[in-house]
Protein backbone atom coordinates (compact mmCIF):
# COMPACT_ATOMS: atom_id res chain seq x y z
CA MET A 1 123.62 101.25 92.56
CA THR A 2 124.92 100.72 96.08
CA ASP A 3 127.01 97.56 96.41
CA LEU A 4 129.92 96.05 98.34
CA PHE A 5 132.32 98.62 96.88
CA THR A 6 130.31 101.72 97.73
CA PRO A 7 131.94 103.74 100.55
CA LEU A 8 130.15 103.80 103.90
CA THR A 9 130.31 106.12 106.90
CA VAL A 10 130.39 104.32 110.27
CA GLY A 11 130.67 106.66 113.21
CA PRO A 12 133.80 108.77 112.64
CA LEU A 13 135.20 106.39 110.00
CA GLU A 14 134.85 106.52 106.25
CA LEU A 15 135.02 102.95 104.95
CA PRO A 16 136.18 102.53 101.33
CA ASN A 17 134.00 99.44 100.90
CA ARG A 18 131.32 97.47 102.72
CA LEU A 19 133.29 94.22 102.94
CA LEU A 20 134.00 93.85 106.65
CA MET A 21 136.18 91.16 108.16
CA ALA A 22 134.28 89.36 110.90
CA PRO A 23 136.02 88.61 114.21
CA LEU A 24 137.74 85.23 113.93
CA THR A 25 139.38 83.56 116.92
CA ARG A 26 142.71 82.10 115.78
CA ALA A 27 144.45 81.32 119.12
CA ARG A 28 147.85 82.74 118.05
CA ALA A 29 148.59 84.97 121.04
CA GLU A 30 151.93 84.65 122.80
CA PRO A 31 152.34 83.74 126.51
CA GLY A 32 150.39 86.04 128.80
CA HIS A 33 147.72 86.37 126.08
CA VAL A 34 149.93 88.99 124.41
CA PRO A 35 149.47 89.69 120.67
CA GLY A 36 152.76 89.43 118.80
CA PRO A 37 154.29 90.18 115.39
CA LEU A 38 152.63 87.18 113.74
CA MET A 39 149.19 88.55 114.57
CA ALA A 40 150.23 91.96 113.24
CA THR A 41 151.19 90.37 109.91
CA TYR A 42 147.88 88.49 109.73
CA TYR A 43 145.77 91.61 110.15
CA GLN A 44 147.96 93.77 107.93
CA GLN A 45 147.52 91.24 105.12
CA ARG A 46 143.75 91.76 105.33
CA ALA A 47 143.78 95.57 105.58
CA GLY A 48 141.88 95.88 102.29
CA ALA A 49 138.65 95.16 104.19
CA GLY A 50 136.42 98.16 104.69
CA LEU A 51 136.78 97.48 108.41
CA LEU A 52 138.71 94.78 110.25
CA ILE A 53 137.01 93.51 113.40
CA ALA A 54 139.77 91.89 115.44
CA GLU A 55 139.11 88.66 117.29
CA ALA A 56 137.40 88.15 120.65
CA THR A 57 139.73 89.65 123.26
CA MET A 58 139.55 89.19 127.03
CA VAL A 59 138.49 92.28 128.94
CA MET A 60 139.53 90.85 132.31
CA GLU A 61 142.26 88.53 133.57
CA GLY A 62 141.25 84.95 134.35
CA ASN A 63 138.52 84.51 131.76
CA SER A 64 140.18 82.45 129.03
CA ALA A 65 137.97 80.22 126.90
CA PHE A 66 140.36 79.47 124.01
CA TRP A 67 143.72 78.95 125.78
CA HIS A 68 145.81 81.15 123.44
CA GLU A 69 143.42 84.02 122.73
CA PRO A 70 144.56 87.63 123.25
CA GLY A 71 143.67 89.99 126.07
CA ILE A 72 143.51 93.76 126.46
CA HIS A 73 143.74 94.04 130.27
CA SER A 74 147.52 94.30 130.81
CA PRO A 75 150.13 96.84 129.68
CA ALA A 76 151.98 94.11 127.75
CA GLN A 77 148.81 93.26 125.83
CA VAL A 78 148.20 96.91 125.00
CA GLU A 79 151.73 97.21 123.65
CA GLY A 80 151.36 93.93 121.76
CA TRP A 81 148.20 95.10 120.06
CA ARG A 82 149.97 98.32 119.06
CA LEU A 83 152.03 96.20 116.64
CA THR A 84 148.80 95.21 114.89
CA THR A 85 147.15 98.63 114.79
CA ASP A 86 150.32 100.29 113.53
CA ALA A 87 150.68 97.65 110.80
CA VAL A 88 147.05 97.94 109.69
CA HIS A 89 147.10 101.74 109.63
CA ALA A 90 150.39 101.73 107.71
CA ALA A 91 148.63 99.59 105.09
CA GLY A 92 145.74 102.07 104.88
CA GLY A 93 143.28 99.98 106.89
CA ARG A 94 140.86 100.56 109.73
CA ILE A 95 140.49 98.20 112.70
CA VAL A 96 138.29 97.84 115.78
CA LEU A 97 138.74 95.38 118.64
CA GLN A 98 136.05 92.96 119.71
CA ILE A 99 135.99 93.06 123.52
CA TRP A 100 134.67 89.99 125.26
CA HIS A 101 134.03 88.06 128.45
CA GLY A 102 133.84 84.29 127.94
CA GLY A 103 131.44 83.66 130.82
CA ARG A 104 130.48 80.02 131.21
CA ALA A 105 132.58 79.03 128.16
CA CYS A 106 135.73 79.51 130.26
CA HIS A 107 137.32 76.53 132.03
CA PRO A 108 139.25 76.14 135.30
CA LEU A 109 142.18 74.47 133.50
CA LEU A 110 142.65 77.66 131.47
CA ASN A 111 142.30 80.01 134.42
CA GLY A 112 144.35 78.74 137.35
CA GLY A 113 141.50 76.63 138.69
CA ARG A 114 139.02 79.50 138.75
CA GLN A 115 135.37 78.52 138.27
CA PRO A 116 133.69 80.30 135.36
CA VAL A 117 130.85 82.73 135.97
CA ALA A 118 127.43 83.13 134.34
CA PRO A 119 123.96 84.57 134.92
CA SER A 120 122.79 81.15 136.16
CA PRO A 121 124.56 77.91 137.20
CA ILE A 122 123.89 76.09 133.92
CA ALA A 123 126.77 74.37 132.13
CA ILE A 124 127.35 74.22 128.38
CA THR A 125 126.47 70.72 127.19
CA GLY A 126 127.08 68.81 123.97
CA ASP A 127 130.62 70.08 123.38
CA GLU A 128 134.09 70.18 124.92
CA VAL A 129 136.76 72.82 125.41
CA ARG A 130 140.45 72.60 124.42
CA THR A 131 142.76 72.73 127.43
CA PRO A 132 146.41 71.87 128.23
CA GLU A 133 145.09 68.48 129.38
CA GLY A 134 143.19 67.80 126.15
CA LYS A 135 139.54 68.33 125.44
CA GLN A 136 137.42 68.55 128.58
CA PRO A 137 133.71 68.92 129.31
CA TYR A 138 132.51 72.33 130.38
CA VAL A 139 131.89 72.82 134.09
CA VAL A 140 128.93 74.26 135.94
CA PRO A 141 129.55 78.01 136.30
CA ARG A 142 129.07 80.10 139.40
CA GLU A 143 126.09 82.43 139.36
CA LEU A 144 127.21 86.05 139.50
CA ALA A 145 125.72 88.13 142.30
CA ASP A 146 124.05 91.40 141.35
CA ASP A 147 126.69 93.38 143.24
CA GLU A 148 129.45 91.80 141.11
CA LEU A 149 128.03 93.12 137.86
CA PRO A 150 129.35 96.69 138.18
CA GLY A 151 132.81 95.10 138.20
CA ILE A 152 132.04 93.39 134.89
CA VAL A 153 130.89 96.70 133.43
CA GLY A 154 134.07 98.32 134.71
CA GLY A 155 136.13 95.59 133.05
CA PHE A 156 134.57 96.37 129.69
CA ARG A 157 135.09 100.10 130.26
CA ARG A 158 138.80 99.60 130.97
CA ALA A 159 139.13 97.29 127.99
CA ALA A 160 137.70 99.95 125.69
CA ARG A 161 140.06 102.54 127.15
CA ASN A 162 142.99 100.17 126.64
CA ALA A 163 141.90 99.41 123.07
CA ILE A 164 142.00 103.08 122.15
CA ALA A 165 145.39 103.41 123.88
CA ALA A 166 146.56 100.48 121.73
CA GLY A 167 145.61 102.40 118.58
CA PHE A 168 142.30 100.82 117.62
CA ASP A 169 139.74 102.95 115.80
CA GLY A 170 136.96 101.68 118.04
CA VAL A 171 135.54 98.56 119.68
CA GLU A 172 132.89 95.98 119.03
CA VAL A 173 131.13 94.61 122.12
CA HIS A 174 130.72 90.83 121.88
CA GLY A 175 127.10 90.08 122.72
CA ALA A 176 126.85 86.82 120.77
CA ASN A 177 127.52 83.08 120.71
CA GLY A 178 126.73 82.21 124.30
CA TYR A 179 129.45 84.24 126.01
CA LEU A 180 128.69 86.29 129.10
CA LEU A 181 126.60 89.16 127.69
CA ASP A 182 124.65 86.85 125.39
CA ALA A 183 124.10 84.39 128.23
CA PHE A 184 122.42 87.18 130.20
CA LEU A 185 120.38 88.22 127.17
CA ARG A 186 118.76 84.87 126.29
CA ASP A 187 116.30 83.09 128.56
CA GLY A 188 117.70 79.61 127.95
CA SER A 189 120.81 80.52 129.95
CA ASN A 190 119.47 83.32 132.17
CA ARG A 191 117.13 81.82 134.77
CA ARG A 192 117.86 84.34 137.52
CA SER A 193 115.38 86.66 139.22
CA GLY A 194 115.91 90.24 140.25
CA PRO A 195 117.00 93.24 138.16
CA TYR A 196 119.09 91.18 135.71
CA GLY A 197 116.67 88.30 135.05
CA GLY A 198 113.14 87.60 133.89
CA ALA A 199 111.73 90.10 131.40
CA ILE A 200 113.72 91.08 128.31
CA GLY A 201 114.46 94.53 129.73
CA ASN A 202 116.10 92.96 132.77
CA ARG A 203 118.03 90.35 130.79
CA ALA A 204 119.39 93.11 128.52
CA ARG A 205 120.35 95.37 131.44
CA LEU A 206 123.98 94.21 131.68
CA LEU A 207 124.53 94.55 127.93
CA LEU A 208 123.08 98.06 127.90
CA GLU A 209 125.16 99.08 130.91
CA VAL A 210 128.28 97.80 129.15
CA LEU A 211 127.45 99.74 125.99
CA GLU A 212 126.94 102.95 127.96
CA ALA A 213 130.25 102.49 129.77
CA VAL A 214 132.21 101.62 126.64
CA GLN A 215 130.86 104.64 124.77
CA THR A 216 132.53 106.93 127.30
CA GLU A 217 135.93 105.52 126.24
CA SER A 218 135.70 104.83 122.50
CA PRO A 219 134.81 107.09 119.55
CA LEU A 220 133.22 104.15 117.72
CA VAL A 221 131.21 101.33 119.28
CA GLY A 222 129.56 98.39 117.55
CA LEU A 223 127.69 95.40 118.92
CA ARG A 224 127.53 91.82 117.68
CA ILE A 225 124.51 89.63 118.47
CA SER A 226 123.36 86.14 117.45
CA PRO A 227 119.69 85.75 118.41
CA LEU A 228 119.29 82.38 116.66
CA ASN A 229 122.69 80.77 117.14
CA GLY A 230 122.70 77.56 119.17
CA TYR A 231 126.49 77.48 119.57
CA ASN A 232 127.57 76.96 123.21
CA ALA A 233 124.21 75.32 123.97
CA MET A 234 122.28 78.55 123.55
CA VAL A 235 118.55 78.94 122.96
CA ASP A 236 115.85 81.54 123.49
CA SER A 237 112.13 80.98 123.70
CA ASP A 238 111.37 83.97 121.46
CA PRO A 239 114.39 85.03 119.40
CA ILE A 240 112.31 87.18 117.05
CA GLY A 241 110.71 89.03 119.92
CA LEU A 242 114.10 89.49 121.55
CA SER A 243 115.53 90.84 118.29
CA CYS A 244 112.68 93.31 117.84
CA TRP A 245 112.89 94.60 121.41
CA LEU A 246 116.66 94.99 121.27
CA ALA A 247 116.66 96.71 117.86
CA GLU A 248 114.20 99.32 119.13
CA ARG A 249 116.06 99.84 122.39
CA LEU A 250 119.47 100.21 120.75
CA ASN A 251 118.29 103.28 118.84
CA ALA A 252 118.49 105.26 122.07
CA THR A 253 122.11 104.25 122.74
CA GLY A 254 123.83 105.98 119.82
CA LEU A 255 125.35 102.67 118.71
CA ASP A 256 127.48 103.11 115.58
CA TYR A 257 126.67 99.73 114.06
CA LEU A 258 124.79 96.53 114.84
CA HIS A 259 126.42 93.31 113.60
CA VAL A 260 123.92 90.44 113.36
CA MET A 261 124.62 86.76 112.81
CA ARG A 262 121.55 85.78 110.85
CA GLY A 263 121.37 82.04 111.55
CA ASP A 264 122.21 79.10 113.75
CA PHE A 265 125.48 77.20 113.32
CA LEU A 266 123.67 74.08 114.51
CA GLY A 267 120.49 74.51 112.47
CA GLN A 268 118.23 74.10 115.50
CA GLN A 269 116.58 77.54 115.57
CA THR A 270 115.24 79.01 112.35
CA GLY A 271 113.61 82.25 111.34
CA ASP A 272 114.34 85.67 109.90
CA VAL A 273 115.80 88.07 112.44
CA LEU A 274 117.29 90.55 109.99
CA THR A 275 114.01 91.80 108.48
CA PRO A 276 112.43 92.83 111.80
CA ILE A 277 115.74 94.27 113.01
CA ARG A 278 116.08 96.34 109.81
CA ALA A 279 112.53 97.62 110.24
CA ARG A 280 113.36 98.91 113.72
CA PHE A 281 117.06 99.73 114.01
CA ARG A 282 117.95 103.10 112.51
CA GLY A 283 121.74 102.77 112.50
CA VAL A 284 124.24 100.93 110.31
CA LEU A 285 123.23 97.26 110.03
CA VAL A 286 125.85 94.62 109.24
CA GLY A 287 124.85 91.09 108.23
CA ASN A 288 127.00 88.04 108.80
CA MET A 289 126.98 84.27 108.32
CA GLY A 290 127.34 82.39 105.07
CA TYR A 291 126.93 85.22 102.56
CA THR A 292 128.23 84.79 99.05
CA PRO A 293 129.47 87.95 97.35
CA GLU A 294 126.42 87.84 95.06
CA GLU A 295 123.97 87.57 97.96
CA ALA A 296 125.79 90.31 99.86
CA ASN A 297 125.61 92.66 96.87
CA ALA A 298 121.91 91.95 96.44
CA ALA A 299 121.15 92.59 100.12
CA ILE A 300 123.03 95.89 100.08
CA ALA A 301 121.46 96.99 96.78
CA ALA A 302 118.00 96.25 98.18
CA GLY A 303 118.71 98.25 101.32
CA ASP A 304 118.31 95.20 103.55
CA LEU A 305 121.83 95.67 104.91
CA ASP A 306 124.45 98.41 104.91
CA ALA A 307 127.45 96.06 104.95
CA VAL A 308 128.34 92.37 105.18
CA ALA A 309 130.99 90.83 107.43
CA PHE A 310 132.78 87.86 105.87
CA GLY A 311 134.40 85.32 108.18
CA THR A 312 135.90 82.11 106.81
CA ALA A 313 136.33 83.65 103.35
CA PHE A 314 138.93 86.00 104.83
CA LEU A 315 140.94 83.14 106.35
CA ALA A 316 142.27 81.81 103.05
CA ASN A 317 141.82 84.99 101.03
CA PRO A 318 143.75 87.85 102.63
CA ASP A 319 142.97 89.96 99.56
CA LEU A 320 139.27 89.04 99.58
CA PRO A 321 137.94 92.43 98.36
CA GLU A 322 140.22 92.35 95.32
CA ARG A 323 139.28 88.75 94.54
CA ILE A 324 135.60 89.66 94.67
CA ARG A 325 136.18 92.77 92.58
CA ARG A 326 137.92 90.71 89.88
CA GLY A 327 135.47 87.82 90.08
CA VAL A 328 138.28 85.38 90.90
CA PRO A 329 137.41 82.03 92.58
CA LEU A 330 138.09 82.02 96.29
CA GLN A 331 140.63 79.76 97.99
CA ASP A 332 139.39 77.28 100.60
CA PRO A 333 140.76 77.48 104.17
CA ASP A 334 142.20 74.50 106.03
CA PRO A 335 140.10 73.87 109.19
CA ALA A 336 142.94 71.86 110.74
CA THR A 337 144.92 75.10 111.11
CA TYR A 338 142.18 77.34 112.50
CA TYR A 339 143.57 77.19 116.07
CA SER A 340 147.04 75.70 115.54
CA PRO A 341 150.18 77.68 116.41
CA GLY A 342 152.46 79.34 113.89
CA PRO A 343 152.08 80.81 110.40
CA THR A 344 150.80 77.69 108.62
CA GLY A 345 147.19 78.27 107.59
CA TYR A 346 147.43 81.75 109.07
CA THR A 347 149.74 84.09 107.19
CA ASP A 348 150.86 81.83 104.31
CA TYR A 349 147.82 81.93 102.02
CA PRO A 350 148.86 83.36 98.62
CA PHE A 351 147.77 86.71 97.22
CA LEU A 352 146.61 87.36 93.67
CA GLU A 353 149.16 88.46 91.14
CA ALA A 354 149.04 92.20 90.47
CA ALA A 355 146.51 93.08 87.79
């Protein structure tokens, strides 16, 4: 029977198990958004995952949404990430980098006063962003002009090139959670006209152009989407229809895997997006969001998914695959340390004793 511990081929990689580590923003980068030794230790500790998907990483300067998140647009950042990739590979692991543009989730106080950009001038509501001046409301973004979008595509292309230079095994394009590519994709945040607005094919144009560009630079490319997730004030009038269209269209791109968040953090949009995606997408399908090991095993055994990405479970359980293999209870993470500086709640969770 196929289960979490059955090997899986993803693009050029042979994964020893189907327990992936989901991308988790931890805000531990050093000044200049440079990854340092502490981040290398964190990822090396979790190298037992079938595949590590490193956290959302800025493709272009001036688009910070989390204050201390890493980037991949400067030589110092490339060298900083090399500490992580070397550490993970030395531990026998495999790691891809999630490349990302924060879009309207960015804030002027994090970016030298620069106004964030988006498909349409619609601000995120109902939440605040952490800044050096405390939590602040999101601002109304500037609508990107059509002739600016090739520059965005070029930023993703350079980020993928830099990721491979930094030693990553591939990249995951962040098309989820209300950030720039997702904001173009869903009609609640994309109200523009022209070639990048209106019908689904137009709203998906930027995402598809990014995927095509990134595939020229990276031997492995994945994509993460969240058709139902309301985080960052996101909504779509037809998330199932969007999921079906995108799953069909992605078959023509040669995408190595599709990583789908199955639900809504806020519980506002409901429905089953995974079943119609599975019926249409012919590549490796990864499920994410709230899976127990038992549910993940059942979904893989039934052929509903090829792998499952675990998020918060990996925070407090660096040896998560071994804990699941042994049937050991999982440790609970401390939410107060999710974005705090230093090793506490980051690299100090205990490992199991050797069997």
